[in-house]
Amino acid sequence: MKEFLEFIIKHLVDNPDEVHVNEIDGERTIVFELRVSQEDMGKVIGRRGQTAKSLRTLLAAASAKIGKRSVLEILE
């Protein structure tokens, strides 16, 4: 799922080389820590957080297939 998230984010931003995703796999939860360049932060979050919400929905659907929850943290 990390590769899936990286693929989507890299196609959203202007600086794909600065996209870093860290996956922390727990017993029932997977935490994804996302770091992008400061100028791309707005593109990842979107107006009123709509893009971030959509990303979280996609991750939730993908992680439900393997019986886990997912959390997306967008870090500065």
N, C-alpha and C. Protein backbone atom coordinates (compact mmCIF):
# COMPACT_ATOMS: atom_id res chain seq x y z
N MET A 1 0.82 -1.20 0.00
CA MET A 1 0.00 0.00 0.00
C MET A 1 0.86 1.26 0.00
N LYS A 2 2.08 1.14 0.52
CA LYS A 2 2.98 2.29 0.52
C LYS A 2 3.25 2.74 -0.92
N GLU A 3 3.49 1.79 -1.81
CA GLU A 3 3.76 2.12 -3.21
C GLU A 3 2.54 2.76 -3.87
N PHE A 4 1.36 2.28 -3.51
CA PHE A 4 0.10 2.83 -4.02
C PHE A 4 -0.03 4.30 -3.62
N LEU A 5 0.23 4.60 -2.35
CA LEU A 5 0.14 5.97 -1.86
C LEU A 5 1.19 6.86 -2.52
N GLU A 6 2.43 6.36 -2.62
CA GLU A 6 3.49 7.13 -3.26
C GLU A 6 3.14 7.46 -4.72
N PHE A 7 2.59 6.49 -5.43
CA PHE A 7 2.22 6.68 -6.82
C PHE A 7 1.21 7.82 -6.96
N ILE A 8 0.19 7.80 -6.14
CA ILE A 8 -0.85 8.84 -6.20
C ILE A 8 -0.27 10.21 -5.86
N ILE A 9 0.47 10.29 -4.77
CA ILE A 9 1.01 11.58 -4.31
C ILE A 9 1.99 12.15 -5.33
N LYS A 10 2.86 11.31 -5.88
CA LYS A 10 3.86 11.81 -6.84
C LYS A 10 3.22 12.39 -8.09
N HIS A 11 2.02 11.93 -8.42
CA HIS A 11 1.33 12.48 -9.58
C HIS A 11 0.50 13.72 -9.24
N LEU A 12 0.38 14.04 -7.96
CA LEU A 12 -0.34 15.24 -7.54
C LEU A 12 0.56 16.46 -7.39
N VAL A 13 1.82 16.23 -7.05
CA VAL A 13 2.70 17.32 -6.64
C VAL A 13 3.62 17.78 -7.77
N ASP A 14 4.24 18.94 -7.58
CA ASP A 14 5.20 19.48 -8.54
C ASP A 14 6.61 18.95 -8.30
N ASN A 15 6.90 18.52 -7.08
CA ASN A 15 8.23 18.02 -6.72
C ASN A 15 8.14 16.56 -6.27
N PRO A 16 7.99 15.62 -7.21
CA PRO A 16 7.82 14.21 -6.82
C PRO A 16 9.04 13.60 -6.14
N ASP A 17 10.22 14.19 -6.35
CA ASP A 17 11.43 13.67 -5.71
C ASP A 17 11.44 13.93 -4.21
N GLU A 18 10.62 14.86 -3.75
CA GLU A 18 10.59 15.20 -2.33
C GLU A 18 9.44 14.52 -1.59
N VAL A 19 8.83 13.52 -2.20
CA VAL A 19 7.76 12.76 -1.55
C VAL A 19 8.38 11.61 -0.78
N HIS A 20 8.09 11.54 0.51
CA HIS A 20 8.60 10.46 1.35
C HIS A 20 7.44 9.88 2.16
N VAL A 21 7.27 8.57 2.07
CA VAL A 21 6.21 7.89 2.81
C VAL A 21 6.86 6.86 3.72
N ASN A 22 6.53 6.93 5.00
CA ASN A 22 7.00 5.96 5.97
C ASN A 22 5.80 5.14 6.44
N GLU A 23 5.92 3.83 6.39
CA GLU A 23 4.83 2.94 6.78
C GLU A 23 5.16 2.28 8.11
N ILE A 24 4.27 2.44 9.08
CA ILE A 24 4.44 1.82 10.39
C ILE A 24 3.31 0.82 10.54
N ASP A 25 3.66 -0.46 10.51
CA ASP A 25 2.66 -1.53 10.50
C ASP A 25 2.47 -2.06 11.92
N GLY A 26 1.27 -1.85 12.46
CA GLY A 26 0.93 -2.36 13.77
C GLY A 26 0.09 -3.62 13.66
N GLU A 27 -0.41 -4.09 14.79
CA GLU A 27 -1.20 -5.31 14.81
C GLU A 27 -2.51 -5.16 14.05
N ARG A 28 -3.21 -4.05 14.30
CA ARG A 28 -4.49 -3.83 13.63
C ARG A 28 -4.54 -2.54 12.82
N THR A 29 -3.48 -1.76 12.86
CA THR A 29 -3.47 -0.45 12.21
C THR A 29 -2.17 -0.24 11.44
N ILE A 30 -2.28 0.41 10.29
CA ILE A 30 -1.12 0.82 9.52
C ILE A 30 -1.11 2.35 9.51
N VAL A 31 0.01 2.93 9.94
CA VAL A 31 0.15 4.38 9.95
C VAL A 31 1.08 4.77 8.80
N PHE A 32 0.62 5.70 7.99
CA PHE A 32 1.43 6.23 6.90
C PHE A 32 1.81 7.66 7.23
N GLU A 33 3.11 7.92 7.32
CA GLU A 33 3.60 9.28 7.56
C GLU A 33 4.05 9.84 6.22
N LEU A 34 3.43 10.91 5.80
CA LEU A 34 3.70 11.50 4.49
C LEU A 34 4.41 12.83 4.66
N ARG A 35 5.52 12.97 3.93
CA ARG A 35 6.26 14.23 3.91
C ARG A 35 6.40 14.68 2.46
N VAL A 36 6.03 15.93 2.20
CA VAL A 36 6.20 16.54 0.88
C VAL A 36 6.84 17.90 1.07
N SER A 37 7.29 18.51 -0.03
CA SER A 37 7.88 19.85 0.08
C SER A 37 6.80 20.83 0.55
N GLN A 38 7.25 21.90 1.16
CA GLN A 38 6.34 22.89 1.72
C GLN A 38 5.42 23.48 0.65
N GLU A 39 5.95 23.69 -0.55
CA GLU A 39 5.13 24.29 -1.61
C GLU A 39 4.08 23.33 -2.17
N ASP A 40 4.25 22.03 -1.93
CA ASP A 40 3.27 21.04 -2.39
C ASP A 40 2.24 20.68 -1.32
N MET A 41 2.41 21.19 -0.13
CA MET A 41 1.52 20.85 0.98
C MET A 41 0.06 21.18 0.65
N GLY A 42 -0.17 22.30 0.04
CA GLY A 42 -1.54 22.70 -0.31
C GLY A 42 -2.19 21.76 -1.31
N LYS A 43 -1.39 21.23 -2.23
CA LYS A 43 -1.94 20.29 -3.22
C LYS A 43 -2.34 18.98 -2.58
N VAL A 44 -1.56 18.54 -1.60
CA VAL A 44 -1.85 17.27 -0.93
C VAL A 44 -3.06 17.41 0.00
N ILE A 45 -3.18 18.54 0.66
CA ILE A 45 -4.30 18.74 1.58
C ILE A 45 -5.56 19.12 0.81
N GLY A 46 -5.43 20.02 -0.16
CA GLY A 46 -6.57 20.41 -0.98
C GLY A 46 -7.45 21.44 -0.29
N ARG A 47 -8.39 21.97 -1.05
CA ARG A 47 -9.31 22.97 -0.52
C ARG A 47 -10.20 22.32 0.53
N ARG A 48 -10.20 22.91 1.71
CA ARG A 48 -10.97 22.42 2.86
C ARG A 48 -10.62 20.97 3.22
N GLY A 49 -9.41 20.53 2.86
CA GLY A 49 -8.97 19.18 3.21
C GLY A 49 -9.57 18.09 2.36
N GLN A 50 -10.16 18.45 1.24
CA GLN A 50 -10.88 17.48 0.42
C GLN A 50 -9.94 16.43 -0.19
N THR A 51 -8.75 16.84 -0.65
CA THR A 51 -7.82 15.88 -1.24
C THR A 51 -7.31 14.91 -0.17
N ALA A 52 -6.96 15.43 1.00
CA ALA A 52 -6.50 14.57 2.09
C ALA A 52 -7.59 13.60 2.51
N LYS A 53 -8.82 14.06 2.56
CA LYS A 53 -9.93 13.18 2.92
C LYS A 53 -10.10 12.07 1.89
N SER A 54 -9.96 12.40 0.62
CA SER A 54 -10.07 11.40 -0.44
C SER A 54 -8.95 10.38 -0.36
N LEU A 55 -7.74 10.84 -0.06
CA LEU A 55 -6.61 9.92 0.10
C LEU A 55 -6.86 8.96 1.26
N ARG A 56 -7.39 9.49 2.35
CA ARG A 56 -7.68 8.65 3.52
C ARG A 56 -8.77 7.62 3.19
N THR A 57 -9.75 8.01 2.38
CA THR A 57 -10.81 7.09 1.98
C THR A 57 -10.25 5.96 1.13
N LEU A 58 -9.37 6.29 0.19
CA LEU A 58 -8.74 5.25 -0.64
C LEU A 58 -7.91 4.29 0.21
N LEU A 59 -7.15 4.83 1.15
CA LEU A 59 -6.35 3.97 2.03
C LEU A 59 -7.23 3.09 2.91
N ALA A 60 -8.33 3.63 3.39
CA ALA A 60 -9.25 2.85 4.23
C ALA A 60 -9.83 1.69 3.44
N ALA A 61 -10.19 1.93 2.19
CA ALA A 61 -10.75 0.87 1.35
C ALA A 61 -9.71 -0.21 1.07
N ALA A 62 -8.48 0.20 0.79
CA ALA A 62 -7.42 -0.76 0.50
C ALA A 62 -7.03 -1.56 1.74
N SER A 63 -6.97 -0.91 2.89
CA SER A 63 -6.57 -1.61 4.11
C SER A 63 -7.68 -2.50 4.65
N ALA A 64 -8.93 -2.19 4.33
CA ALA A 64 -10.05 -3.03 4.77
C ALA A 64 -9.96 -4.42 4.13
N LYS A 65 -9.39 -4.48 2.94
CA LYS A 65 -9.23 -5.77 2.26
C LYS A 65 -8.31 -6.71 3.03
N ILE A 66 -7.37 -6.14 3.78
CA ILE A 66 -6.46 -6.98 4.56
C ILE A 66 -6.83 -6.99 6.04
N GLY A 67 -7.98 -6.44 6.36
CA GLY A 67 -8.48 -6.49 7.73
C GLY A 67 -7.81 -5.54 8.71
N LYS A 68 -7.31 -4.42 8.23
CA LYS A 68 -6.66 -3.45 9.10
C LYS A 68 -7.25 -2.07 8.88
N ARG A 69 -6.95 -1.17 9.82
CA ARG A 69 -7.30 0.25 9.68
C ARG A 69 -6.07 0.97 9.17
N SER A 70 -6.29 2.11 8.55
CA SER A 70 -5.15 2.91 8.10
C SER A 70 -5.30 4.34 8.59
N VAL A 71 -4.16 4.95 8.86
CA VAL A 71 -4.11 6.34 9.32
C VAL A 71 -3.10 7.06 8.44
N LEU A 72 -3.49 8.20 7.89
CA LEU A 72 -2.58 9.01 7.09
C LEU A 72 -2.24 10.27 7.87
N GLU A 73 -0.96 10.43 8.16
CA GLU A 73 -0.47 11.63 8.84
C GLU A 73 0.34 12.44 7.85
N ILE A 74 -0.05 13.67 7.63
CA ILE A 74 0.68 14.55 6.72
C ILE A 74 1.57 15.44 7.58
N LEU A 75 2.87 15.22 7.48
CA LEU A 75 3.84 15.91 8.34
C LEU A 75 4.53 17.03 7.58
N GLU A 76 4.97 18.04 8.33
CA GLU A 76 5.70 19.16 7.72
C GLU A 76 7.18 18.87 7.72
